Full PDB file with SEQRES, HELIX, SHEET, SSBOND, CRYST1, ORIGX, SCALE, CONECT and MASTER records, all heavy atoms in Angstrom:
SEQRES   1 A   41  SER SER LYS ILE MET ASP GLU VAL ASN SER SER LEU VAL          
SEQRES   2 A   41  GLY SER TYR THR GLU ASN ILE ILE LEU THR SER ASN GLU          
SEQRES   3 A   41  VAL ILE THR LEU ASP ASP LEU THR ILE ASN ILE TYR PRO          
SEQRES   4 A   41  TYR MET                                                      
HELIX    1 AA1 LYS A    3  LEU A   12  1                                  10    
SHEET    1 AA1 2 GLU A  26  LEU A  30  0                                        
SHEET    2 AA1 2 LEU A  33  ILE A  37 -1                                        
CRYST1    1.000    1.000    1.000  90.00  90.00  90.00 P 1           1          
ORIGX1      1.000000  0.000000  0.000000        0.00000                         
ORIGX2      0.000000  1.000000  0.000000        0.00000                         
ORIGX3      0.000000  0.000000  1.000000        0.00000                         
SCALE1      1.000000  0.000000  0.000000        0.00000                         
SCALE2      0.000000  1.000000  0.000000        0.00000                         
SCALE3      0.000000  0.000000  1.000000        0.00000                         
ATOM      1  N   SER A   1       1.774 -12.174   4.877  1.00  0.00           N  
ATOM      2  CA  SER A   1       3.195 -11.868   4.758  1.00  0.00           C  
ATOM      3  C   SER A   1       3.922 -12.952   3.958  1.00  0.00           C  
ATOM      4  O   SER A   1       3.807 -14.149   4.240  1.00  0.00           O  
ATOM      5  CB  SER A   1       3.824 -11.742   6.150  1.00  0.00           C  
ATOM      6  OG  SER A   1       5.201 -11.451   6.041  1.00  0.00           O  
ATOM      7  N   SER A   2       4.628 -12.518   2.941  1.00  0.00           N  
ATOM      8  CA  SER A   2       5.485 -13.410   2.153  1.00  0.00           C  
ATOM      9  C   SER A   2       6.491 -12.527   1.426  1.00  0.00           C  
ATOM     10  O   SER A   2       6.300 -11.312   1.286  1.00  0.00           O  
ATOM     11  CB  SER A   2       4.673 -14.233   1.144  1.00  0.00           C  
ATOM     12  OG  SER A   2       4.187 -13.400   0.105  1.00  0.00           O  
ATOM     13  N   LYS A   3       7.569 -13.114   0.952  1.00  0.00           N  
ATOM     14  CA  LYS A   3       8.584 -12.360   0.238  1.00  0.00           C  
ATOM     15  C   LYS A   3       7.995 -11.698  -1.002  1.00  0.00           C  
ATOM     16  O   LYS A   3       8.273 -10.522  -1.302  1.00  0.00           O  
ATOM     17  CB  LYS A   3       9.741 -13.283  -0.159  1.00  0.00           C  
ATOM     18  CG  LYS A   3      10.862 -12.572  -0.922  1.00  0.00           C  
ATOM     19  CD  LYS A   3      11.972 -13.542  -1.294  1.00  0.00           C  
ATOM     20  CE  LYS A   3      13.061 -12.823  -2.088  1.00  0.00           C  
ATOM     21  NZ  LYS A   3      14.149 -13.757  -2.489  1.00  0.00           N  
ATOM     22  N   ILE A   4       7.150 -12.440  -1.713  1.00  0.00           N  
ATOM     23  CA  ILE A   4       6.567 -11.895  -2.947  1.00  0.00           C  
ATOM     24  C   ILE A   4       5.602 -10.758  -2.643  1.00  0.00           C  
ATOM     25  O   ILE A   4       5.603  -9.722  -3.322  1.00  0.00           O  
ATOM     26  CB  ILE A   4       5.868 -13.015  -3.748  1.00  0.00           C  
ATOM     27  CG1 ILE A   4       6.924 -13.967  -4.310  1.00  0.00           C  
ATOM     28  CG2 ILE A   4       5.028 -12.434  -4.885  1.00  0.00           C  
ATOM     29  CD1 ILE A   4       6.369 -15.128  -5.097  1.00  0.00           C  
ATOM     30  N   MET A   5       4.773 -10.911  -1.599  1.00  0.00           N  
ATOM     31  CA  MET A   5       3.848  -9.837  -1.245  1.00  0.00           C  
ATOM     32  C   MET A   5       4.595  -8.604  -0.774  1.00  0.00           C  
ATOM     33  O   MET A   5       4.171  -7.471  -1.033  1.00  0.00           O  
ATOM     34  CB  MET A   5       2.857 -10.303  -0.183  1.00  0.00           C  
ATOM     35  CG  MET A   5       1.601 -10.971  -0.724  1.00  0.00           C  
ATOM     36  SD  MET A   5       0.723  -9.986  -1.989  1.00  0.00           S  
ATOM     37  CE  MET A   5       0.384  -8.464  -1.106  1.00  0.00           C  
ATOM     38  N   ASP A   6       5.722  -8.800  -0.108  1.00  0.00           N  
ATOM     39  CA  ASP A   6       6.552  -7.653   0.295  1.00  0.00           C  
ATOM     40  C   ASP A   6       7.055  -6.909  -0.943  1.00  0.00           C  
ATOM     41  O   ASP A   6       7.081  -5.673  -0.979  1.00  0.00           O  
ATOM     42  CB  ASP A   6       7.740  -8.123   1.149  1.00  0.00           C  
ATOM     43  CG  ASP A   6       7.311  -8.584   2.535  1.00  0.00           C  
ATOM     44  OD1 ASP A   6       6.172  -8.273   2.941  1.00  0.00           O  
ATOM     45  OD2 ASP A   6       8.114  -9.278   3.197  1.00  0.00           O  
ATOM     46  N   GLU A   7       7.458  -7.665  -1.978  1.00  0.00           N  
ATOM     47  CA  GLU A   7       7.899  -7.048  -3.228  1.00  0.00           C  
ATOM     48  C   GLU A   7       6.760  -6.279  -3.903  1.00  0.00           C  
ATOM     49  O   GLU A   7       6.949  -5.179  -4.417  1.00  0.00           O  
ATOM     50  CB  GLU A   7       8.430  -8.121  -4.180  1.00  0.00           C  
ATOM     51  CG  GLU A   7       9.722  -8.794  -3.717  1.00  0.00           C  
ATOM     52  CD  GLU A   7      10.119  -9.949  -4.620  1.00  0.00           C  
ATOM     53  OE1 GLU A   7       9.351 -10.271  -5.564  1.00  0.00           O  
ATOM     54  OE2 GLU A   7      11.195 -10.539  -4.393  1.00  0.00           O  
ATOM     55  N   VAL A   8       5.573  -6.886  -3.889  1.00  0.00           N  
ATOM     56  CA  VAL A   8       4.403  -6.233  -4.490  1.00  0.00           C  
ATOM     57  C   VAL A   8       4.099  -4.920  -3.777  1.00  0.00           C  
ATOM     58  O   VAL A   8       3.902  -3.876  -4.412  1.00  0.00           O  
ATOM     59  CB  VAL A   8       3.171  -7.165  -4.437  1.00  0.00           C  
ATOM     60  CG1 VAL A   8       1.907  -6.408  -4.841  1.00  0.00           C  
ATOM     61  CG2 VAL A   8       3.371  -8.372  -5.343  1.00  0.00           C  
ATOM     62  N   ASN A   9       4.065  -4.960  -2.454  1.00  0.00           N  
ATOM     63  CA  ASN A   9       3.768  -3.750  -1.678  1.00  0.00           C  
ATOM     64  C   ASN A   9       4.815  -2.671  -1.910  1.00  0.00           C  
ATOM     65  O   ASN A   9       4.477  -1.476  -1.998  1.00  0.00           O  
ATOM     66  CB  ASN A   9       3.670  -4.094  -0.195  1.00  0.00           C  
ATOM     67  CG  ASN A   9       2.443  -4.938   0.123  1.00  0.00           C  
ATOM     68  OD1 ASN A   9       1.406  -4.814  -0.527  1.00  0.00           O  
ATOM     69  ND2 ASN A   9       2.549  -5.802   1.119  1.00  0.00           N  
ATOM     70  N   SER A  10       6.077  -3.055  -2.032  1.00  0.00           N  
ATOM     71  CA  SER A  10       7.143  -2.083  -2.304  1.00  0.00           C  
ATOM     72  C   SER A  10       6.969  -1.452  -3.678  1.00  0.00           C  
ATOM     73  O   SER A  10       7.167  -0.243  -3.853  1.00  0.00           O  
ATOM     74  CB  SER A  10       8.515  -2.757  -2.204  1.00  0.00           C  
ATOM     75  OG  SER A  10       8.767  -3.206  -0.888  1.00  0.00           O  
ATOM     76  N   SER A  11       6.589  -2.271  -4.669  1.00  0.00           N  
ATOM     77  CA  SER A  11       6.400  -1.764  -6.033  1.00  0.00           C  
ATOM     78  C   SER A  11       5.235  -0.784  -6.114  1.00  0.00           C  
ATOM     79  O   SER A  11       5.228   0.121  -6.949  1.00  0.00           O  
ATOM     80  CB  SER A  11       6.156  -2.927  -7.007  1.00  0.00           C  
ATOM     81  OG  SER A  11       7.291  -3.759  -7.096  1.00  0.00           O  
ATOM     82  N   LEU A  12       4.255  -0.964  -5.246  1.00  0.00           N  
ATOM     83  CA  LEU A  12       3.072  -0.104  -5.282  1.00  0.00           C  
ATOM     84  C   LEU A  12       3.316   1.263  -4.651  1.00  0.00           C  
ATOM     85  O   LEU A  12       2.578   2.213  -4.920  1.00  0.00           O  
ATOM     86  CB  LEU A  12       1.902  -0.797  -4.571  1.00  0.00           C  
ATOM     87  CG  LEU A  12       1.233  -1.927  -5.364  1.00  0.00           C  
ATOM     88  CD1 LEU A  12       0.299  -2.727  -4.465  1.00  0.00           C  
ATOM     89  CD2 LEU A  12       0.486  -1.380  -6.562  1.00  0.00           C  
ATOM     90  N   VAL A  13       4.356   1.359  -3.835  1.00  0.00           N  
ATOM     91  CA  VAL A  13       4.664   2.637  -3.191  1.00  0.00           C  
ATOM     92  C   VAL A  13       5.123   3.635  -4.260  1.00  0.00           C  
ATOM     93  O   VAL A  13       6.097   3.416  -4.965  1.00  0.00           O  
ATOM     94  CB  VAL A  13       5.755   2.471  -2.114  1.00  0.00           C  
ATOM     95  CG1 VAL A  13       6.142   3.850  -1.555  1.00  0.00           C  
ATOM     96  CG2 VAL A  13       5.276   1.550  -1.000  1.00  0.00           C  
ATOM     97  N   GLY A  14       4.389   4.728  -4.394  1.00  0.00           N  
ATOM     98  CA  GLY A  14       4.730   5.740  -5.382  1.00  0.00           C  
ATOM     99  C   GLY A  14       4.457   5.323  -6.809  1.00  0.00           C  
ATOM    100  O   GLY A  14       4.895   5.981  -7.750  1.00  0.00           O  
ATOM    101  N   SER A  15       3.723   4.234  -6.976  1.00  0.00           N  
ATOM    102  CA  SER A  15       3.448   3.711  -8.316  1.00  0.00           C  
ATOM    103  C   SER A  15       2.331   4.492  -9.004  1.00  0.00           C  
ATOM    104  O   SER A  15       1.470   5.097  -8.357  1.00  0.00           O  
ATOM    105  CB  SER A  15       3.060   2.231  -8.224  1.00  0.00           C  
ATOM    106  OG  SER A  15       2.579   1.750  -9.449  1.00  0.00           O  
ATOM    107  N   TYR A  16       2.345   4.455 -10.338  1.00  0.00           N  
ATOM    108  CA  TYR A  16       1.265   5.023 -11.153  1.00  0.00           C  
ATOM    109  C   TYR A  16      -0.049   4.287 -10.883  1.00  0.00           C  
ATOM    110  O   TYR A  16      -1.130   4.872 -10.944  1.00  0.00           O  
ATOM    111  CB  TYR A  16       1.651   4.909 -12.633  1.00  0.00           C  
ATOM    112  CG  TYR A  16       0.503   4.987 -13.608  1.00  0.00           C  
ATOM    113  CD1 TYR A  16       0.029   6.218 -14.069  1.00  0.00           C  
ATOM    114  CD2 TYR A  16      -0.112   3.820 -14.078  1.00  0.00           C  
ATOM    115  CE1 TYR A  16      -1.023   6.286 -14.965  1.00  0.00           C  
ATOM    116  CE2 TYR A  16      -1.170   3.883 -14.974  1.00  0.00           C  
ATOM    117  CZ  TYR A  16      -1.623   5.117 -15.419  1.00  0.00           C  
ATOM    118  OH  TYR A  16      -2.665   5.176 -16.306  1.00  0.00           O  
ATOM    119  N   THR A  17       0.045   3.017 -10.544  1.00  0.00           N  
ATOM    120  CA  THR A  17      -1.121   2.159 -10.367  1.00  0.00           C  
ATOM    121  C   THR A  17      -1.893   2.523  -9.102  1.00  0.00           C  
ATOM    122  O   THR A  17      -1.310   2.693  -8.024  1.00  0.00           O  
ATOM    123  CB  THR A  17      -0.697   0.686 -10.287  1.00  0.00           C  
ATOM    124  OG1 THR A  17       0.038   0.345 -11.459  1.00  0.00           O  
ATOM    125  CG2 THR A  17      -1.915  -0.226 -10.175  1.00  0.00           C  
ATOM    126  N   GLU A  18      -3.213   2.615  -9.236  1.00  0.00           N  
ATOM    127  CA  GLU A  18      -4.047   2.861  -8.057  1.00  0.00           C  
ATOM    128  C   GLU A  18      -4.367   1.539  -7.381  1.00  0.00           C  
ATOM    129  O   GLU A  18      -4.938   0.634  -7.985  1.00  0.00           O  
ATOM    130  CB  GLU A  18      -5.352   3.559  -8.461  1.00  0.00           C  
ATOM    131  CG  GLU A  18      -6.229   3.897  -7.261  1.00  0.00           C  
ATOM    132  CD  GLU A  18      -7.460   4.714  -7.622  1.00  0.00           C  
ATOM    133  OE1 GLU A  18      -7.498   5.260  -8.740  1.00  0.00           O  
ATOM    134  OE2 GLU A  18      -8.387   4.782  -6.782  1.00  0.00           O  
ATOM    135  N   ASN A  19      -3.983   1.429  -6.132  1.00  0.00           N  
ATOM    136  CA  ASN A  19      -4.161   0.192  -5.363  1.00  0.00           C  
ATOM    137  C   ASN A  19      -5.491   0.251  -4.623  1.00  0.00           C  
ATOM    138  O   ASN A  19      -5.691   1.088  -3.741  1.00  0.00           O  
ATOM    139  CB  ASN A  19      -3.002   0.039  -4.377  1.00  0.00           C  
ATOM    140  CG  ASN A  19      -3.090  -1.257  -3.608  1.00  0.00           C  
ATOM    141  OD1 ASN A  19      -3.778  -2.188  -4.003  1.00  0.00           O  
ATOM    142  ND2 ASN A  19      -2.382  -1.321  -2.485  1.00  0.00           N  
ATOM    143  N   ILE A  20      -6.414  -0.630  -4.988  1.00  0.00           N  
ATOM    144  CA  ILE A  20      -7.736  -0.652  -4.371  1.00  0.00           C  
ATOM    145  C   ILE A  20      -7.840  -1.885  -3.477  1.00  0.00           C  
ATOM    146  O   ILE A  20      -7.810  -3.015  -3.959  1.00  0.00           O  
ATOM    147  CB  ILE A  20      -8.847  -0.664  -5.433  1.00  0.00           C  
ATOM    148  CG1 ILE A  20      -8.750   0.608  -6.290  1.00  0.00           C  
ATOM    149  CG2 ILE A  20     -10.224  -0.779  -4.775  1.00  0.00           C  
ATOM    150  CD1 ILE A  20      -9.732   0.654  -7.437  1.00  0.00           C  
ATOM    151  N   ILE A  21      -7.911  -1.644  -2.176  1.00  0.00           N  
ATOM    152  CA  ILE A  21      -8.069  -2.722  -1.200  1.00  0.00           C  
ATOM    153  C   ILE A  21      -9.562  -2.871  -0.920  1.00  0.00           C  
ATOM    154  O   ILE A  21     -10.214  -1.935  -0.463  1.00  0.00           O  
ATOM    155  CB  ILE A  21      -7.309  -2.420   0.100  1.00  0.00           C  
ATOM    156  CG1 ILE A  21      -5.822  -2.180  -0.195  1.00  0.00           C  
ATOM    157  CG2 ILE A  21      -7.493  -3.548   1.097  1.00  0.00           C  
ATOM    158  CD1 ILE A  21      -5.121  -3.383  -0.797  1.00  0.00           C  
ATOM    159  N   LEU A  22     -10.087  -4.046  -1.189  1.00  0.00           N  
ATOM    160  CA  LEU A  22     -11.527  -4.242  -1.110  1.00  0.00           C  
ATOM    161  C   LEU A  22     -11.999  -4.463   0.320  1.00  0.00           C  
ATOM    162  O   LEU A  22     -11.620  -5.444   0.966  1.00  0.00           O  
ATOM    163  CB  LEU A  22     -11.955  -5.438  -1.973  1.00  0.00           C  
ATOM    164  CG  LEU A  22     -12.126  -5.126  -3.453  1.00  0.00           C  
ATOM    165  CD1 LEU A  22     -10.782  -5.183  -4.164  1.00  0.00           C  
ATOM    166  CD2 LEU A  22     -13.106  -6.065  -4.104  1.00  0.00           C  
ATOM    167  N   THR A  23     -12.818  -3.551   0.799  1.00  0.00           N  
ATOM    168  CA  THR A  23     -13.500  -3.708   2.079  1.00  0.00           C  
ATOM    169  C   THR A  23     -14.996  -3.897   1.856  1.00  0.00           C  
ATOM    170  O   THR A  23     -15.737  -4.212   2.783  1.00  0.00           O  
ATOM    171  CB  THR A  23     -13.266  -2.485   2.971  1.00  0.00           C  
ATOM    172  OG1 THR A  23     -13.699  -1.308   2.276  1.00  0.00           O  
ATOM    173  CG2 THR A  23     -11.777  -2.346   3.302  1.00  0.00           C  
ATOM    174  N   SER A  24     -15.434  -3.667   0.629  1.00  0.00           N  
ATOM    175  CA  SER A  24     -16.836  -3.879   0.248  1.00  0.00           C  
ATOM    176  C   SER A  24     -16.865  -4.180  -1.248  1.00  0.00           C  
ATOM    177  O   SER A  24     -15.825  -4.168  -1.914  1.00  0.00           O  
ATOM    178  CB  SER A  24     -17.679  -2.638   0.566  1.00  0.00           C  
ATOM    179  OG  SER A  24     -17.189  -1.511  -0.151  1.00  0.00           O  
ATOM    180  N   ASN A  25     -18.041  -4.436  -1.768  1.00  0.00           N  
ATOM    181  CA  ASN A  25     -18.155  -4.768  -3.184  1.00  0.00           C  
ATOM    182  C   ASN A  25     -17.691  -3.617  -4.061  1.00  0.00           C  
ATOM    183  O   ASN A  25     -17.952  -2.445  -3.769  1.00  0.00           O  
ATOM    184  CB  ASN A  25     -19.609  -5.111  -3.533  1.00  0.00           C  
ATOM    185  CG  ASN A  25     -20.123  -6.316  -2.783  1.00  0.00           C  
ATOM    186  OD1 ASN A  25     -19.365  -6.994  -2.095  1.00  0.00           O  
ATOM    187  ND2 ASN A  25     -21.398  -6.599  -2.924  1.00  0.00           N  
ATOM    188  N   GLU A  26     -16.990  -3.949  -5.152  1.00  0.00           N  
ATOM    189  CA  GLU A  26     -16.566  -2.962  -6.137  1.00  0.00           C  
ATOM    190  C   GLU A  26     -17.214  -3.302  -7.479  1.00  0.00           C  
ATOM    191  O   GLU A  26     -17.458  -4.474  -7.790  1.00  0.00           O  
ATOM    192  CB  GLU A  26     -15.047  -2.976  -6.286  1.00  0.00           C  
ATOM    193  CG  GLU A  26     -14.292  -2.365  -5.126  1.00  0.00           C  
ATOM    194  CD  GLU A  26     -14.312  -0.840  -5.147  1.00  0.00           C  
ATOM    195  OE1 GLU A  26     -14.558  -0.260  -6.232  1.00  0.00           O  
ATOM    196  OE2 GLU A  26     -14.067  -0.238  -4.087  1.00  0.00           O  
ATOM    197  N   VAL A  27     -17.491  -2.269  -8.274  1.00  0.00           N  
ATOM    198  CA  VAL A  27     -18.138  -2.466  -9.568  1.00  0.00           C  
ATOM    199  C   VAL A  27     -17.305  -1.824 -10.666  1.00  0.00           C  
ATOM    200  O   VAL A  27     -16.873  -0.674 -10.547  1.00  0.00           O  
ATOM    201  CB  VAL A  27     -19.562  -1.864  -9.585  1.00  0.00           C  
ATOM    202  CG1 VAL A  27     -20.220  -2.086 -10.955  1.00  0.00           C  
ATOM    203  CG2 VAL A  27     -20.418  -2.465  -8.490  1.00  0.00           C  
ATOM    204  N   ILE A  28     -17.058  -2.577 -11.732  1.00  0.00           N  
ATOM    205  CA  ILE A  28     -16.408  -2.064 -12.935  1.00  0.00           C  
ATOM    206  C   ILE A  28     -17.442  -2.129 -14.055  1.00  0.00           C  
ATOM    207  O   ILE A  28     -18.033  -3.184 -14.304  1.00  0.00           O  
ATOM    208  CB  ILE A  28     -15.177  -2.891 -13.328  1.00  0.00           C  
ATOM    209  CG1 ILE A  28     -14.127  -2.869 -12.216  1.00  0.00           C  
ATOM    210  CG2 ILE A  28     -14.578  -2.398 -14.633  1.00  0.00           C  
ATOM    211  CD1 ILE A  28     -12.958  -3.826 -12.452  1.00  0.00           C  
ATOM    212  N   THR A  29     -17.685  -1.005 -14.719  1.00  0.00           N  
ATOM    213  CA  THR A  29     -18.656  -0.959 -15.812  1.00  0.00           C  
ATOM    214  C   THR A  29     -17.952  -0.620 -17.113  1.00  0.00           C  
ATOM    215  O   THR A  29     -17.289   0.417 -17.220  1.00  0.00           O  
ATOM    216  CB  THR A  29     -19.762   0.072 -15.528  1.00  0.00           C  
ATOM    217  OG1 THR A  29     -20.402  -0.238 -14.291  1.00  0.00           O  
ATOM    218  CG2 THR A  29     -20.809   0.055 -16.642  1.00  0.00           C  
ATOM    219  N   LEU A  30     -18.092  -1.497 -18.092  1.00  0.00           N  
ATOM    220  CA  LEU A  30     -17.512  -1.296 -19.415  1.00  0.00           C  
ATOM    221  C   LEU A  30     -18.617  -1.491 -20.446  1.00  0.00           C  
ATOM    222  O   LEU A  30     -18.948  -2.607 -20.818  1.00  0.00           O  
ATOM    223  CB  LEU A  30     -16.363  -2.286 -19.666  1.00  0.00           C  
ATOM    224  CG  LEU A  30     -15.204  -2.257 -18.665  1.00  0.00           C  
ATOM    225  CD1 LEU A  30     -14.266  -3.430 -18.918  1.00  0.00           C  
ATOM    226  CD2 LEU A  30     -14.447  -0.936 -18.762  1.00  0.00           C  
ATOM    227  N   ASP A  31     -19.226  -0.375 -20.875  1.00  0.00           N  
ATOM    228  CA  ASP A  31     -20.377  -0.427 -21.778  1.00  0.00           C  
ATOM    229  C   ASP A  31     -21.463  -1.305 -21.165  1.00  0.00           C  
ATOM    230  O   ASP A  31     -21.924  -1.024 -20.071  1.00  0.00           O  
ATOM    231  CB  ASP A  31     -19.960  -0.925 -23.160  1.00  0.00           C  
ATOM    232  CG  ASP A  31     -19.030   0.062 -23.869  1.00  0.00           C  
ATOM    233  OD1 ASP A  31     -19.089   1.259 -23.534  1.00  0.00           O  
ATOM    234  OD2 ASP A  31     -18.252  -0.359 -24.730  1.00  0.00           O  
ATOM    235  N   ASP A  32     -21.839  -2.407 -21.848  1.00  0.00           N  
ATOM    236  CA  ASP A  32     -22.922  -3.251 -21.342  1.00  0.00           C  
ATOM    237  C   ASP A  32     -22.410  -4.380 -20.453  1.00  0.00           C  
ATOM    238  O   ASP A  32     -23.178  -5.243 -20.039  1.00  0.00           O  
ATOM    239  CB  ASP A  32     -23.733  -3.837 -22.496  1.00  0.00           C  
ATOM    240  CG  ASP A  32     -22.867  -4.621 -23.480  1.00  0.00           C  
ATOM    241  OD1 ASP A  32     -21.639  -4.421 -23.470  1.00  0.00           O  
ATOM    242  OD2 ASP A  32     -23.427  -5.414 -24.261  1.00  0.00           O  
ATOM    243  N   LEU A  33     -21.125  -4.376 -20.157  1.00  0.00           N  
ATOM    244  CA  LEU A  33     -20.541  -5.386 -19.270  1.00  0.00           C  
ATOM    245  C   LEU A  33     -20.383  -4.805 -17.868  1.00  0.00           C  
ATOM    246  O   LEU A  33     -19.771  -3.757 -17.688  1.00  0.00           O  
ATOM    247  CB  LEU A  33     -19.176  -5.840 -19.791  1.00  0.00           C  
ATOM    248  CG  LEU A  33     -18.368  -6.768 -18.869  1.00  0.00           C  
ATOM    249  CD1 LEU A  33     -19.076  -8.109 -18.699  1.00  0.00           C  
ATOM    250  CD2 LEU A  33     -16.959  -6.971 -19.398  1.00  0.00           C  
ATOM    251  N   THR A  34     -20.954  -5.509 -16.894  1.00  0.00           N  
ATOM    252  CA  THR A  34     -20.810  -5.108 -15.492  1.00  0.00           C  
ATOM    253  C   THR A  34     -20.036  -6.193 -14.753  1.00  0.00           C  
ATOM    254  O   THR A  34     -20.368  -7.370 -14.841  1.00  0.00           O  
ATOM    255  CB  THR A  34     -22.188  -4.911 -14.828  1.00  0.00           C  
ATOM    256  OG1 THR A  34     -22.902  -3.886 -15.511  1.00  0.00           O  
ATOM    257  CG2 THR A  34     -22.026  -4.508 -13.363  1.00  0.00           C  
ATOM    258  N   ILE A  35     -18.991  -5.774 -14.039  1.00  0.00           N  
ATOM    259  CA  ILE A  35     -18.184  -6.706 -13.261  1.00  0.00           C  
ATOM    260  C   ILE A  35     -18.285  -6.324 -11.794  1.00  0.00           C  
ATOM    261  O   ILE A  35     -17.899  -5.221 -11.400  1.00  0.00           O  
ATOM    262  CB  ILE A  35     -16.711  -6.690 -13.717  1.00  0.00           C  
ATOM    263  CG1 ILE A  35     -16.611  -7.099 -15.188  1.00  0.00           C  
ATOM    264  CG2 ILE A  35     -15.874  -7.614 -12.841  1.00  0.00           C  
ATOM    265  CD1 ILE A  35     -15.227  -7.005 -15.756  1.00  0.00           C  
ATOM    266  N   ASN A  36     -18.846  -7.225 -11.003  1.00  0.00           N  
ATOM    267  CA  ASN A  36     -18.939  -7.028  -9.565  1.00  0.00           C  
ATOM    268  C   ASN A  36     -17.844  -7.855  -8.894  1.00  0.00           C  
ATOM    269  O   ASN A  36     -17.674  -9.031  -9.209  1.00  0.00           O  
ATOM    270  CB  ASN A  36     -20.309  -7.462  -9.043  1.00  0.00           C  
ATOM    271  CG  ASN A  36     -21.434  -6.602  -9.598  1.00  0.00           C  
ATOM    272  OD1 ASN A  36     -21.404  -5.382  -9.486  1.00  0.00           O  
ATOM    273  ND2 ASN A  36     -22.436  -7.240 -10.200  1.00  0.00           N  
ATOM    274  N   ILE A  37     -17.115  -7.233  -7.996  1.00  0.00           N  
ATOM    275  CA  ILE A  37     -16.047  -7.925  -7.280  1.00  0.00           C  
ATOM    276  C   ILE A  37     -16.433  -7.991  -5.809  1.00  0.00           C  
ATOM    277  O   ILE A  37     -16.588  -6.965  -5.148  1.00  0.00           O  
ATOM    278  CB  ILE A  37     -14.699  -7.202  -7.439  1.00  0.00           C  
ATOM    279  CG1 ILE A  37     -14.406  -6.914  -8.914  1.00  0.00           C  
ATOM    280  CG2 ILE A  37     -13.570  -8.033  -6.836  1.00  0.00           C  
ATOM    281  CD1 ILE A  37     -13.172  -6.075  -9.139  1.00  0.00           C  
ATOM    282  N   TYR A  38     -16.597  -9.227  -5.312  1.00  0.00           N  
ATOM    283  CA  TYR A  38     -16.999  -9.434  -3.931  1.00  0.00           C  
ATOM    284  C   TYR A  38     -15.775  -9.812  -3.100  1.00  0.00           C  
ATOM    285  O   TYR A  38     -15.073 -10.769  -3.417  1.00  0.00           O  
ATOM    286  CB  TYR A  38     -18.037 -10.548  -3.828  1.00  0.00           C  
ATOM    287  CG  TYR A  38     -19.297 -10.287  -4.612  1.00  0.00           C  
ATOM    288  CD1 TYR A  38     -19.477 -10.839  -5.884  1.00  0.00           C  
ATOM    289  CD2 TYR A  38     -20.315  -9.487  -4.088  1.00  0.00           C  
ATOM    290  CE1 TYR A  38     -20.632 -10.600  -6.616  1.00  0.00           C  
ATOM    291  CE2 TYR A  38     -21.474  -9.246  -4.806  1.00  0.00           C  
ATOM    292  CZ  TYR A  38     -21.634  -9.805  -6.078  1.00  0.00           C  
ATOM    293  OH  TYR A  38     -22.781  -9.572  -6.788  1.00  0.00           O  
ATOM    294  N   PRO A  39     -15.505  -9.087  -2.008  1.00  0.00           N  
ATOM    295  CA  PRO A  39     -14.366  -9.438  -1.150  1.00  0.00           C  
ATOM    296  C   PRO A  39     -14.693 -10.638  -0.270  1.00  0.00           C  
ATOM    297  O   PRO A  39     -15.829 -11.117  -0.249  1.00  0.00           O  
ATOM    298  CB  PRO A  39     -14.190  -8.177  -0.301  1.00  0.00           C  
ATOM    299  CG  PRO A  39     -15.566  -7.596  -0.210  1.00  0.00           C  
ATOM    300  CD  PRO A  39     -16.230  -7.907  -1.530  1.00  0.00           C  
ATOM    301  N   TYR A  40     -13.678 -11.108   0.450  1.00  0.00           N  
ATOM    302  CA  TYR A  40     -13.911 -12.252   1.330  1.00  0.00           C  
ATOM    303  C   TYR A  40     -14.775 -11.821   2.511  1.00  0.00           C  
ATOM    304  O   TYR A  40     -14.882 -10.636   2.822  1.00  0.00           O  
ATOM    305  CB  TYR A  40     -12.588 -12.841   1.814  1.00  0.00           C  
ATOM    306  CG  TYR A  40     -11.960 -12.117   2.996  1.00  0.00           C  
ATOM    307  CD1 TYR A  40     -12.051 -12.651   4.277  1.00  0.00           C  
ATOM    308  CD2 TYR A  40     -11.275 -10.916   2.823  1.00  0.00           C  
ATOM    309  CE1 TYR A  40     -11.476 -12.009   5.354  1.00  0.00           C  
ATOM    310  CE2 TYR A  40     -10.707 -10.269   3.895  1.00  0.00           C  
ATOM    311  CZ  TYR A  40     -10.813 -10.804   5.163  1.00  0.00           C  
ATOM    312  OH  TYR A  40     -10.253 -10.163   6.214  1.00  0.00           O  
ATOM    313  N   MET A  41     -15.397 -12.768   3.162  1.00  0.00           N  
ATOM    314  CA  MET A  41     -16.267 -12.475   4.296  1.00  0.00           C  
ATOM    315  C   MET A  41     -15.443 -12.278   5.569  1.00  0.00           C  
ATOM    316  O   MET A  41     -14.432 -12.936   5.764  1.00  0.00           O  
ATOM    317  CB  MET A  41     -17.287 -13.603   4.476  1.00  0.00           C  
ATOM    318  CG  MET A  41     -18.231 -13.727   3.284  1.00  0.00           C  
ATOM    319  SD  MET A  41     -19.371 -15.131   3.429  1.00  0.00           S  
ATOM    320  CE  MET A  41     -18.253 -16.482   3.057  1.00  0.00           C  
TER     321      MET A  41                                                      
MASTER        0    0    0    1    2    0    0    6  320    1    0    4          
END                                                                             
């Protein structure tokens, strides 16, 4: 909780942007580039 995070969460409501909350590893693939995103433990 913080003022800035409250602003971020408000901006995401009804936003075009898809909000992905990481509960497990996520993978972004761009041609031959693979990006793995590991969440906190």
